[in-house]
């Protein structure tokens, strides 16, 4: 899947990665990122190593209806179901804890939904902080830029910041620390000039 998909992804969207050296070389970790569009999860999968396998939290009522996205995440990454209607917090925490305890990586978007605009960040929900603190694994902040509106050749930037160690930090303090770390990775946005081929189709592809 990586051999086939990565060249296509880079052909469609020139991706620049900054801070790749900050990715932990071993062990479990939690990835947090801003969220702008469907491309975000694919960009993270393309940037992070194959191992530990990255597991995304996903809404069970939506993701399974998006066949290509569902098939790709199952083939390349992992999937932890989130059912927003049943409030199954205990089951969710069990699956996330199990993933991290086995050495996997968990990726989630603490804003809880797509951001309103490039360069902006909504307040973080604190689930990620619970996961990292209870399992004593580092948090890897990621800032995405350029994925809100997409067109052929649209530059995309992925910035990976230094890991955040949750040890000794109260939960209420960890959330704003992590939010500030992601915010620091998102540059002010100015839309590129030139032709924007297939803008509507690629922006709403999935």
N, C-alpha and C. Protein backbone atom coordinates (compact mmCIF):
# COMPACT_ATOMS: atom_id res chain seq x y z
N UNK A 1 0.83 -1.20 0.00
CA UNK A 1 0.00 0.00 0.00
C UNK A 1 0.87 1.26 0.00
N UNK A 2 1.93 1.26 0.81
CA UNK A 2 2.81 2.42 0.84
C UNK A 2 3.53 2.60 -0.49
N UNK A 3 3.97 1.51 -1.09
CA UNK A 3 4.69 1.58 -2.37
C UNK A 3 3.80 2.19 -3.44
N UNK A 4 2.51 1.82 -3.43
CA UNK A 4 1.59 2.31 -4.45
C UNK A 4 1.06 3.71 -4.14
N UNK A 5 0.73 3.95 -2.85
CA UNK A 5 0.01 5.18 -2.50
C UNK A 5 0.92 6.39 -2.32
N UNK A 6 2.11 6.19 -1.74
CA UNK A 6 2.95 7.34 -1.43
C UNK A 6 3.37 8.14 -2.66
N UNK A 7 3.81 7.49 -3.76
CA UNK A 7 4.16 8.28 -4.95
C UNK A 7 2.97 9.08 -5.49
N UNK A 8 1.77 8.49 -5.45
CA UNK A 8 0.57 9.20 -5.92
C UNK A 8 0.29 10.40 -5.02
N UNK A 9 0.40 10.20 -3.72
CA UNK A 9 0.14 11.28 -2.77
C UNK A 9 1.10 12.45 -2.99
N UNK A 10 2.38 12.14 -3.16
CA UNK A 10 3.37 13.20 -3.37
C UNK A 10 3.23 13.84 -4.74
N UNK A 11 2.71 13.10 -5.71
CA UNK A 11 2.47 13.66 -7.04
C UNK A 11 1.33 14.67 -7.00
N UNK A 12 0.28 14.34 -6.26
CA UNK A 12 -0.87 15.24 -6.15
C UNK A 12 -0.57 16.47 -5.31
N UNK A 13 0.14 16.26 -4.19
CA UNK A 13 0.38 17.34 -3.23
C UNK A 13 1.84 17.29 -2.77
N UNK A 14 2.67 18.23 -3.21
CA UNK A 14 4.06 18.28 -2.72
C UNK A 14 4.06 18.44 -1.20
N UNK A 15 4.59 17.45 -0.49
CA UNK A 15 4.56 17.44 0.96
C UNK A 15 5.94 17.74 1.52
N UNK A 16 6.01 18.75 2.36
CA UNK A 16 7.26 19.10 3.04
C UNK A 16 7.12 18.72 4.51
N UNK A 17 8.09 17.95 5.00
CA UNK A 17 8.08 17.50 6.39
C UNK A 17 9.20 18.18 7.15
N UNK A 18 8.84 18.78 8.28
CA UNK A 18 9.81 19.46 9.15
C UNK A 18 9.79 18.78 10.51
N UNK A 19 10.97 18.46 11.06
CA UNK A 19 11.04 17.90 12.40
C UNK A 19 10.90 16.41 12.48
N UNK A 20 11.18 15.72 11.39
CA UNK A 20 11.05 14.26 11.40
C UNK A 20 11.92 13.61 12.49
N UNK A 21 13.02 14.28 12.85
CA UNK A 21 13.91 13.73 13.88
C UNK A 21 13.27 13.68 15.26
N UNK A 22 12.14 14.35 15.43
CA UNK A 22 11.44 14.35 16.72
C UNK A 22 10.57 13.11 16.94
N UNK A 23 10.38 12.31 15.90
CA UNK A 23 9.58 11.09 16.05
C UNK A 23 10.35 10.10 16.91
N UNK A 24 9.75 9.58 17.98
CA UNK A 24 10.46 8.59 18.81
C UNK A 24 10.90 7.38 18.00
N UNK A 25 12.08 6.90 18.27
CA UNK A 25 12.64 5.78 17.52
C UNK A 25 12.06 4.44 17.97
N UNK A 26 11.54 4.40 19.19
CA UNK A 26 10.98 3.14 19.69
C UNK A 26 9.92 3.43 20.75
N UNK A 27 9.11 2.44 21.01
CA UNK A 27 8.11 2.57 22.06
C UNK A 27 6.83 3.22 21.59
N UNK A 28 5.82 3.15 22.45
CA UNK A 28 4.51 3.71 22.16
C UNK A 28 4.51 5.22 22.33
N UNK A 29 3.57 5.89 21.66
CA UNK A 29 3.40 7.33 21.82
C UNK A 29 2.02 7.74 21.31
N UNK A 30 1.62 8.95 21.68
CA UNK A 30 0.35 9.53 21.25
C UNK A 30 0.64 10.69 20.31
N UNK A 31 0.05 10.68 19.13
CA UNK A 31 0.19 11.77 18.16
C UNK A 31 -1.03 12.67 18.27
N UNK A 32 -0.79 13.98 18.39
CA UNK A 32 -1.90 14.94 18.38
C UNK A 32 -1.66 15.94 17.26
N UNK A 33 -2.73 16.35 16.60
CA UNK A 33 -2.59 17.24 15.46
C UNK A 33 -3.84 18.09 15.29
N UNK A 34 -3.67 19.24 14.64
CA UNK A 34 -4.85 19.97 14.17
C UNK A 34 -5.47 19.19 13.02
N UNK A 35 -6.71 19.51 12.69
CA UNK A 35 -7.46 18.70 11.71
C UNK A 35 -8.18 19.64 10.75
N UNK A 36 -7.87 19.49 9.45
CA UNK A 36 -8.41 20.40 8.46
C UNK A 36 -9.24 19.71 7.37
N UNK A 37 -8.87 18.48 7.01
CA UNK A 37 -9.58 17.83 5.91
C UNK A 37 -9.23 16.34 5.88
N UNK A 38 -9.78 15.64 4.89
CA UNK A 38 -9.59 14.20 4.77
C UNK A 38 -8.14 13.81 4.58
N UNK A 39 -7.32 14.69 4.01
CA UNK A 39 -5.93 14.35 3.71
C UNK A 39 -5.08 14.16 4.96
N UNK A 40 -5.51 14.72 6.09
CA UNK A 40 -4.66 14.76 7.28
C UNK A 40 -4.18 13.38 7.72
N UNK A 41 -5.09 12.43 7.82
CA UNK A 41 -4.71 11.08 8.28
C UNK A 41 -3.74 10.41 7.31
N UNK A 42 -3.96 10.60 6.00
CA UNK A 42 -3.06 10.03 5.01
C UNK A 42 -1.68 10.68 5.10
N UNK A 43 -1.65 11.98 5.34
CA UNK A 43 -0.36 12.68 5.46
C UNK A 43 0.42 12.19 6.67
N UNK A 44 -0.28 11.95 7.77
CA UNK A 44 0.39 11.43 8.97
C UNK A 44 0.91 10.02 8.72
N UNK A 45 0.10 9.17 8.09
CA UNK A 45 0.54 7.82 7.77
C UNK A 45 1.76 7.83 6.85
N UNK A 46 1.79 8.78 5.91
CA UNK A 46 2.90 8.85 4.97
C UNK A 46 4.18 9.36 5.63
N UNK A 47 4.04 10.07 6.74
CA UNK A 47 5.19 10.71 7.38
C UNK A 47 5.80 9.85 8.48
N UNK A 48 4.95 9.18 9.25
CA UNK A 48 5.44 8.39 10.38
C UNK A 48 5.88 7.00 9.92
N UNK A 49 6.80 6.36 10.69
CA UNK A 49 7.29 5.05 10.29
C UNK A 49 6.19 3.98 10.30
N UNK A 50 6.47 2.87 9.64
CA UNK A 50 5.52 1.76 9.61
C UNK A 50 5.33 1.18 11.01
N UNK A 51 6.40 1.10 11.77
CA UNK A 51 6.34 0.61 13.14
C UNK A 51 6.87 1.67 14.09
N UNK A 52 6.22 1.91 15.23
CA UNK A 52 4.98 1.26 15.64
C UNK A 52 3.81 1.70 14.76
N UNK A 53 2.90 0.78 14.54
CA UNK A 53 1.76 1.06 13.67
C UNK A 53 0.90 2.16 14.28
N UNK A 54 0.49 3.09 13.44
CA UNK A 54 -0.33 4.22 13.89
C UNK A 54 -1.80 3.81 13.86
N UNK A 55 -2.48 3.98 14.99
CA UNK A 55 -3.91 3.66 15.11
C UNK A 55 -4.69 4.96 15.27
N UNK A 56 -5.67 5.18 14.41
CA UNK A 56 -6.50 6.38 14.46
C UNK A 56 -7.80 6.11 15.20
N UNK A 57 -8.24 7.10 15.94
CA UNK A 57 -9.58 7.05 16.50
C UNK A 57 -10.56 7.50 15.42
N UNK A 58 -11.63 6.74 15.20
CA UNK A 58 -12.56 7.09 14.14
C UNK A 58 -14.00 6.84 14.53
N UNK A 59 -14.89 7.64 13.99
CA UNK A 59 -16.32 7.51 14.23
C UNK A 59 -16.85 6.31 13.44
N UNK A 60 -17.40 5.33 14.14
CA UNK A 60 -17.87 4.11 13.48
C UNK A 60 -19.04 4.35 12.55
N UNK A 61 -19.80 5.40 12.77
CA UNK A 61 -20.98 5.65 11.94
C UNK A 61 -20.63 6.34 10.63
N UNK A 62 -19.40 6.85 10.51
CA UNK A 62 -19.03 7.60 9.31
C UNK A 62 -17.93 6.91 8.50
N UNK A 63 -16.87 6.46 9.20
CA UNK A 63 -15.70 5.99 8.48
C UNK A 63 -15.99 4.78 7.59
N UNK A 64 -16.85 3.86 8.07
CA UNK A 64 -17.11 2.65 7.29
C UNK A 64 -17.88 2.95 6.00
N UNK A 65 -18.47 4.12 5.88
CA UNK A 65 -19.17 4.48 4.65
C UNK A 65 -18.23 5.07 3.61
N UNK A 66 -17.01 5.40 4.01
CA UNK A 66 -16.02 5.97 3.09
C UNK A 66 -15.06 4.86 2.70
N UNK A 67 -15.40 4.14 1.67
CA UNK A 67 -14.77 2.86 1.39
C UNK A 67 -13.26 2.95 1.15
N UNK A 68 -12.82 3.94 0.37
CA UNK A 68 -11.39 4.03 0.08
C UNK A 68 -10.61 4.38 1.34
N UNK A 69 -11.10 5.37 2.09
CA UNK A 69 -10.44 5.78 3.31
C UNK A 69 -10.41 4.63 4.33
N UNK A 70 -11.52 3.93 4.45
CA UNK A 70 -11.64 2.80 5.37
C UNK A 70 -10.64 1.70 4.98
N UNK A 71 -10.57 1.36 3.69
CA UNK A 71 -9.68 0.30 3.23
C UNK A 71 -8.22 0.67 3.44
N UNK A 72 -7.88 1.95 3.18
CA UNK A 72 -6.49 2.38 3.31
C UNK A 72 -6.04 2.36 4.77
N UNK A 73 -6.86 2.88 5.66
CA UNK A 73 -6.47 2.91 7.07
C UNK A 73 -6.34 1.50 7.62
N UNK A 74 -7.22 0.59 7.20
CA UNK A 74 -7.12 -0.78 7.66
C UNK A 74 -5.85 -1.45 7.13
N UNK A 75 -5.44 -1.09 5.90
CA UNK A 75 -4.29 -1.73 5.28
C UNK A 75 -2.97 -1.18 5.82
N UNK A 76 -2.92 0.12 6.08
CA UNK A 76 -1.65 0.77 6.43
C UNK A 76 -1.57 1.07 7.92
N UNK A 77 -2.66 1.52 8.50
CA UNK A 77 -2.67 1.86 9.91
C UNK A 77 -3.68 1.03 10.66
N UNK A 78 -3.96 1.43 11.88
CA UNK A 78 -4.95 0.74 12.69
C UNK A 78 -6.16 1.62 12.91
N UNK A 79 -7.15 1.05 13.58
CA UNK A 79 -8.42 1.77 13.74
C UNK A 79 -9.01 1.43 15.10
N UNK A 80 -9.30 2.46 15.88
CA UNK A 80 -9.96 2.30 17.18
C UNK A 80 -11.31 2.99 17.09
N UNK A 81 -12.41 2.24 17.23
CA UNK A 81 -13.74 2.82 17.00
C UNK A 81 -14.18 3.78 18.10
N UNK A 82 -14.79 4.87 17.66
CA UNK A 82 -15.41 5.83 18.56
C UNK A 82 -16.86 5.96 18.14
N UNK A 83 -17.77 5.58 19.01
CA UNK A 83 -19.19 5.70 18.72
C UNK A 83 -19.75 6.86 19.52
N UNK A 84 -20.01 7.97 18.85
CA UNK A 84 -20.43 9.19 19.53
C UNK A 84 -21.83 9.08 20.13
N UNK A 85 -22.62 8.12 19.66
CA UNK A 85 -24.01 8.06 20.11
C UNK A 85 -24.19 7.20 21.36
N UNK A 86 -23.25 6.31 21.63
CA UNK A 86 -23.42 5.37 22.73
C UNK A 86 -22.60 5.74 23.97
N UNK A 87 -21.72 6.74 23.84
CA UNK A 87 -20.91 7.20 24.97
C UNK A 87 -20.14 6.04 25.62
N UNK A 88 -19.51 5.23 24.78
CA UNK A 88 -18.80 4.07 25.28
C UNK A 88 -17.38 4.45 25.70
N UNK A 89 -17.25 5.33 26.70
CA UNK A 89 -15.94 5.80 27.12
C UNK A 89 -15.08 4.67 27.68
N UNK A 90 -15.68 3.77 28.44
CA UNK A 90 -14.91 2.68 29.05
C UNK A 90 -14.30 1.78 27.98
N UNK A 91 -15.08 1.46 26.97
CA UNK A 91 -14.57 0.61 25.89
C UNK A 91 -13.48 1.32 25.11
N UNK A 92 -13.67 2.61 24.84
CA UNK A 92 -12.67 3.38 24.12
C UNK A 92 -11.36 3.41 24.88
N UNK A 93 -11.41 3.74 26.17
CA UNK A 93 -10.19 3.79 26.97
C UNK A 93 -9.51 2.42 27.03
N UNK A 94 -10.31 1.37 27.09
CA UNK A 94 -9.73 0.02 27.12
C UNK A 94 -8.93 -0.25 25.85
N UNK A 95 -9.51 0.06 24.69
CA UNK A 95 -8.84 -0.21 23.41
C UNK A 95 -7.59 0.65 23.24
N UNK A 96 -7.68 1.93 23.61
CA UNK A 96 -6.52 2.81 23.49
C UNK A 96 -5.41 2.36 24.42
N UNK A 97 -5.76 2.05 25.67
CA UNK A 97 -4.76 1.60 26.63
C UNK A 97 -4.09 0.31 26.15
N UNK A 98 -4.89 -0.59 25.61
CA UNK A 98 -4.34 -1.85 25.12
C UNK A 98 -3.37 -1.61 23.97
N UNK A 99 -3.72 -0.73 23.07
CA UNK A 99 -2.86 -0.40 21.93
C UNK A 99 -1.51 0.15 22.42
N UNK A 100 -1.56 1.10 23.34
CA UNK A 100 -0.33 1.72 23.83
C UNK A 100 0.50 0.73 24.66
N UNK A 101 -0.15 -0.10 25.43
CA UNK A 101 0.57 -1.07 26.25
C UNK A 101 1.29 -2.12 25.40
N UNK A 102 0.77 -2.36 24.19
CA UNK A 102 1.41 -3.31 23.28
C UNK A 102 2.46 -2.64 22.41
N UNK A 103 2.69 -1.33 22.62
CA UNK A 103 3.74 -0.64 21.88
C UNK A 103 3.29 0.06 20.62
N UNK A 104 1.99 0.21 20.41
CA UNK A 104 1.49 0.91 19.23
C UNK A 104 1.48 2.41 19.41
N UNK A 105 1.13 3.11 18.36
CA UNK A 105 0.98 4.57 18.40
C UNK A 105 -0.49 4.90 18.17
N UNK A 106 -0.98 5.91 18.87
CA UNK A 106 -2.37 6.34 18.73
C UNK A 106 -2.38 7.78 18.24
N UNK A 107 -3.13 8.04 17.16
CA UNK A 107 -3.22 9.39 16.60
C UNK A 107 -4.64 9.90 16.76
N UNK A 108 -4.77 11.13 17.23
CA UNK A 108 -6.10 11.73 17.35
C UNK A 108 -6.03 13.23 17.17
N UNK A 109 -7.18 13.80 16.93
CA UNK A 109 -7.32 15.23 16.68
C UNK A 109 -8.07 15.85 17.86
N UNK A 110 -7.36 16.47 18.80
CA UNK A 110 -7.99 16.94 20.04
C UNK A 110 -9.05 18.03 19.86
N UNK A 111 -9.09 18.67 18.69
CA UNK A 111 -10.16 19.65 18.46
C UNK A 111 -11.52 18.96 18.38
N UNK A 112 -11.51 17.69 17.96
CA UNK A 112 -12.75 16.93 17.89
C UNK A 112 -13.51 17.06 16.58
N UNK A 113 -13.06 17.93 15.68
CA UNK A 113 -13.73 18.13 14.40
C UNK A 113 -12.79 18.92 13.50
N UNK A 114 -13.21 19.12 12.24
CA UNK A 114 -12.40 19.92 11.34
C UNK A 114 -12.28 21.35 11.86
N UNK A 115 -11.07 21.91 11.76
CA UNK A 115 -10.87 23.31 12.13
C UNK A 115 -11.58 24.24 11.17
N UNK A 116 -11.86 25.44 11.63
CA UNK A 116 -12.61 26.40 10.82
C UNK A 116 -11.80 26.97 9.66
N UNK A 117 -10.49 27.13 9.86
CA UNK A 117 -9.68 27.79 8.84
C UNK A 117 -8.21 27.42 9.02
N UNK A 118 -7.45 27.57 7.92
CA UNK A 118 -6.00 27.39 8.00
C UNK A 118 -5.40 28.37 9.01
N UNK A 119 -4.43 27.89 9.75
CA UNK A 119 -3.73 28.75 10.70
C UNK A 119 -4.44 28.94 12.02
N UNK A 120 -5.67 28.41 12.15
CA UNK A 120 -6.44 28.56 13.38
C UNK A 120 -6.49 27.23 14.13
N UNK A 121 -6.73 27.30 15.43
CA UNK A 121 -6.78 26.10 16.25
C UNK A 121 -7.91 26.25 17.27
N UNK A 122 -8.78 25.25 17.34
CA UNK A 122 -9.87 25.27 18.31
C UNK A 122 -9.39 24.69 19.65
N UNK A 123 -10.07 25.00 20.75
CA UNK A 123 -9.67 24.46 22.05
C UNK A 123 -9.63 22.94 22.04
N UNK A 124 -8.64 22.39 22.75
CA UNK A 124 -8.45 20.94 22.79
C UNK A 124 -9.34 20.28 23.83
N UNK A 125 -9.87 19.11 23.46
CA UNK A 125 -10.49 18.23 24.44
C UNK A 125 -9.37 17.44 25.11
N UNK A 126 -9.61 16.89 26.29
CA UNK A 126 -8.52 16.36 27.10
C UNK A 126 -8.31 14.85 27.03
N UNK A 127 -9.00 14.15 26.13
CA UNK A 127 -8.85 12.71 26.06
C UNK A 127 -7.42 12.27 25.83
N UNK A 128 -6.70 12.94 24.95
CA UNK A 128 -5.33 12.57 24.64
C UNK A 128 -4.44 12.63 25.87
N UNK A 129 -4.70 13.61 26.75
CA UNK A 129 -3.89 13.78 27.95
C UNK A 129 -4.12 12.61 28.91
N UNK A 130 -5.37 12.15 29.01
CA UNK A 130 -5.66 10.97 29.81
C UNK A 130 -4.88 9.76 29.28
N UNK A 131 -4.93 9.55 27.97
CA UNK A 131 -4.26 8.39 27.37
C UNK A 131 -2.76 8.42 27.67
N UNK A 132 -2.13 9.58 27.44
CA UNK A 132 -0.68 9.68 27.63
C UNK A 132 -0.29 9.55 29.09
N UNK A 133 -1.03 10.21 29.97
CA UNK A 133 -0.69 10.19 31.40
C UNK A 133 -0.87 8.81 32.01
N UNK A 134 -2.00 8.17 31.71
CA UNK A 134 -2.28 6.88 32.32
C UNK A 134 -1.34 5.79 31.84
N UNK A 135 -0.82 5.94 30.63
CA UNK A 135 0.10 4.93 30.09
C UNK A 135 1.55 5.38 30.11
N UNK A 136 1.79 6.62 30.57
CA UNK A 136 3.14 7.17 30.67
C UNK A 136 3.91 7.02 29.35
N UNK A 137 3.28 7.54 28.28
CA UNK A 137 3.92 7.56 26.96
C UNK A 137 4.01 9.00 26.49
N UNK A 138 5.01 9.33 25.68
CA UNK A 138 5.17 10.71 25.23
C UNK A 138 4.09 11.13 24.24
N UNK A 139 3.90 12.43 24.16
CA UNK A 139 2.97 13.04 23.20
C UNK A 139 3.79 13.68 22.09
N UNK A 140 3.43 13.38 20.85
CA UNK A 140 4.13 13.94 19.69
C UNK A 140 3.20 14.97 19.03
N UNK A 141 3.51 16.27 19.15
CA UNK A 141 2.65 17.29 18.52
C UNK A 141 2.95 17.44 17.03
N UNK A 142 1.89 17.60 16.25
CA UNK A 142 2.02 17.75 14.80
C UNK A 142 1.19 18.95 14.36
N UNK A 143 1.76 19.78 13.49
CA UNK A 143 1.03 20.90 12.91
C UNK A 143 0.89 20.71 11.41
N UNK A 144 -0.34 20.71 10.92
CA UNK A 144 -0.61 20.54 9.49
C UNK A 144 -0.99 21.88 8.86
N UNK A 145 -0.48 22.10 7.69
CA UNK A 145 -0.79 23.34 6.98
C UNK A 145 -0.97 23.05 5.49
N UNK A 146 -2.04 23.61 4.92
CA UNK A 146 -2.27 23.47 3.48
C UNK A 146 -3.30 22.44 3.09
N UNK A 147 -3.96 21.79 4.07
CA UNK A 147 -4.88 20.71 3.71
C UNK A 147 -6.36 21.11 3.75
N UNK A 148 -6.67 22.33 4.15
CA UNK A 148 -8.08 22.74 4.24
C UNK A 148 -8.75 22.74 2.88
N UNK A 149 -8.17 23.46 1.93
CA UNK A 149 -8.61 23.45 0.54
C UNK A 149 -7.51 22.83 -0.30
N UNK A 150 -7.88 21.91 -1.17
CA UNK A 150 -6.89 21.14 -1.93
C UNK A 150 -7.08 21.33 -3.42
N UNK A 151 -5.97 21.35 -4.12
CA UNK A 151 -6.00 21.33 -5.57
C UNK A 151 -4.73 20.65 -6.06
N UNK A 152 -4.66 20.34 -7.33
CA UNK A 152 -3.53 19.63 -7.89
C UNK A 152 -2.26 20.45 -7.71
N UNK A 153 -1.28 19.88 -7.03
CA UNK A 153 -0.03 20.58 -6.79
C UNK A 153 -0.03 21.47 -5.57
N UNK A 154 -1.08 21.42 -4.74
CA UNK A 154 -1.16 22.26 -3.54
C UNK A 154 -0.05 21.88 -2.56
N UNK A 155 0.79 22.83 -2.14
CA UNK A 155 1.84 22.52 -1.16
C UNK A 155 1.23 22.19 0.20
N UNK A 156 1.71 21.14 0.81
CA UNK A 156 1.27 20.72 2.14
C UNK A 156 2.50 20.64 3.05
N UNK A 157 2.35 21.16 4.27
CA UNK A 157 3.47 21.17 5.23
C UNK A 157 3.07 20.41 6.48
N UNK A 158 3.97 19.53 6.92
CA UNK A 158 3.78 18.77 8.15
C UNK A 158 4.94 19.08 9.07
N UNK A 159 4.64 19.66 10.22
CA UNK A 159 5.69 20.00 11.18
C UNK A 159 5.52 19.14 12.43
N UNK A 160 6.60 18.50 12.84
CA UNK A 160 6.58 17.63 14.01
C UNK A 160 7.44 18.27 15.09
N UNK A 161 6.85 18.50 16.25
CA UNK A 161 7.55 19.18 17.33
C UNK A 161 8.20 18.22 18.30
N UNK A 162 9.01 18.74 19.22
CA UNK A 162 9.62 17.91 20.26
C UNK A 162 8.56 17.21 21.09
N UNK A 163 8.86 16.01 21.54
CA UNK A 163 7.89 15.23 22.31
C UNK A 163 7.63 15.90 23.66
N UNK A 164 6.45 15.67 24.16
CA UNK A 164 6.04 16.19 25.47
C UNK A 164 5.95 15.00 26.43
N UNK A 165 6.71 15.05 27.51
CA UNK A 165 6.70 13.99 28.51
C UNK A 165 5.61 14.31 29.54
N UNK A 166 4.60 13.44 29.68
CA UNK A 166 3.52 13.75 30.62
C UNK A 166 3.88 13.52 32.08
N UNK A 167 5.01 12.88 32.34
CA UNK A 167 5.37 12.51 33.71
C UNK A 167 5.47 13.75 34.60
N UNK A 168 4.77 13.71 35.72
CA UNK A 168 4.84 14.78 36.70
C UNK A 168 4.03 16.01 36.37
N UNK A 169 3.31 16.01 35.26
CA UNK A 169 2.50 17.17 34.88
C UNK A 169 1.02 16.88 35.13
N UNK A 170 0.34 17.69 35.93
CA UNK A 170 -1.09 17.48 36.16
C UNK A 170 -1.87 17.53 34.85
N UNK A 171 -2.94 16.78 34.80
CA UNK A 171 -3.74 16.68 33.57
C UNK A 171 -4.21 18.04 33.09
N UNK A 172 -4.70 18.87 34.00
CA UNK A 172 -5.22 20.18 33.62
C UNK A 172 -4.13 21.09 33.05
N UNK A 173 -2.87 20.83 33.43
CA UNK A 173 -1.77 21.63 32.89
C UNK A 173 -1.26 21.06 31.58
N UNK A 174 -1.41 19.74 31.40
CA UNK A 174 -0.90 19.09 30.19
C UNK A 174 -1.66 19.52 28.94
N UNK A 175 -2.96 19.72 29.06
CA UNK A 175 -3.78 20.09 27.90
C UNK A 175 -3.32 21.42 27.28
N UNK A 176 -3.21 22.52 28.06
CA UNK A 176 -2.75 23.77 27.44
C UNK A 176 -1.31 23.71 26.95
N UNK A 177 -0.45 22.92 27.61
CA UNK A 177 0.93 22.77 27.14
C UNK A 177 0.95 22.14 25.75
N UNK A 178 0.17 21.08 25.59
CA UNK A 178 0.12 20.39 24.30
C UNK A 178 -0.54 21.26 23.23
N UNK A 179 -1.60 21.97 23.60
CA UNK A 179 -2.27 22.85 22.64
C UNK A 179 -1.32 23.94 22.16
N UNK A 180 -0.54 24.51 23.08
CA UNK A 180 0.43 25.54 22.71
C UNK A 180 1.52 24.97 21.80
N UNK A 181 1.92 23.72 22.03
CA UNK A 181 2.95 23.09 21.21
C UNK A 181 2.48 22.91 19.77
N UNK A 182 1.21 22.49 19.59
CA UNK A 182 0.67 22.34 18.23
C UNK A 182 0.50 23.70 17.58
N UNK A 183 0.00 24.66 18.34
CA UNK A 183 -0.20 26.01 17.80
C UNK A 183 1.11 26.60 17.28
N UNK A 184 2.19 26.33 17.98
CA UNK A 184 3.51 26.85 17.60
C UNK A 184 3.97 26.27 16.26
N UNK A 185 3.47 25.08 15.91
CA UNK A 185 3.89 24.40 14.69
C UNK A 185 3.09 24.84 13.46
N UNK A 186 2.04 25.62 13.66
CA UNK A 186 1.17 26.03 12.55
C UNK A 186 1.54 27.45 12.14
N UNK A 187 2.12 27.64 10.95
CA UNK A 187 2.52 28.99 10.54
C UNK A 187 1.33 29.82 10.08
N UNK A 188 1.46 31.14 10.07
CA UNK A 188 0.42 31.97 9.45
C UNK A 188 0.22 31.53 8.01
N UNK A 189 -1.03 31.51 7.57
CA UNK A 189 -1.32 30.95 6.26
C UNK A 189 -1.60 32.03 5.24
N UNK A 190 -0.97 31.90 4.09
CA UNK A 190 -1.30 32.75 2.94
C UNK A 190 -1.52 31.83 1.75
N UNK A 191 -2.63 32.01 1.07
CA UNK A 191 -2.99 31.09 -0.01
C UNK A 191 -2.08 31.28 -1.22
N UNK A 192 -1.54 30.19 -1.77
CA UNK A 192 -0.67 30.30 -2.95
C UNK A 192 -1.44 30.86 -4.14
N UNK A 193 -0.73 31.57 -4.98
CA UNK A 193 -1.33 32.10 -6.20
C UNK A 193 -1.25 31.05 -7.31
N UNK A 194 -1.83 31.36 -8.43
CA UNK A 194 -1.79 30.46 -9.57
C UNK A 194 -3.06 29.66 -9.74
N UNK A 195 -3.05 28.79 -10.73
CA UNK A 195 -4.23 27.98 -11.03
C UNK A 195 -4.48 26.96 -9.94
N UNK A 196 -5.75 26.67 -9.71
CA UNK A 196 -6.14 25.73 -8.66
C UNK A 196 -7.00 24.63 -9.31
N UNK A 197 -6.30 23.74 -10.01
CA UNK A 197 -6.98 22.69 -10.77
C UNK A 197 -7.65 21.67 -9.86
N UNK A 198 -8.88 21.34 -10.17
CA UNK A 198 -9.67 20.32 -9.46
C UNK A 198 -9.86 20.68 -7.99
N UNK A 199 -9.97 21.97 -7.68
CA UNK A 199 -10.06 22.39 -6.28
C UNK A 199 -11.27 21.79 -5.56
N UNK A 200 -12.42 21.93 -6.13
CA UNK A 200 -13.61 21.43 -5.47
C UNK A 200 -13.60 19.91 -5.36
N UNK A 201 -13.19 19.25 -6.43
CA UNK A 201 -13.19 17.78 -6.44
C UNK A 201 -12.21 17.21 -5.42
N UNK A 202 -10.99 17.75 -5.36
CA UNK A 202 -10.00 17.21 -4.42
C UNK A 202 -10.29 17.60 -2.98
N UNK A 203 -10.82 18.80 -2.75
CA UNK A 203 -11.15 19.23 -1.40
C UNK A 203 -12.21 18.33 -0.79
N UNK A 204 -13.17 17.92 -1.60
CA UNK A 204 -14.29 17.12 -1.10
C UNK A 204 -14.24 15.67 -1.60
N UNK A 205 -13.02 15.21 -1.85
CA UNK A 205 -12.87 13.87 -2.43
C UNK A 205 -13.39 12.78 -1.50
N UNK A 206 -13.11 12.90 -0.21
CA UNK A 206 -13.52 11.87 0.75
C UNK A 206 -14.29 12.53 1.90
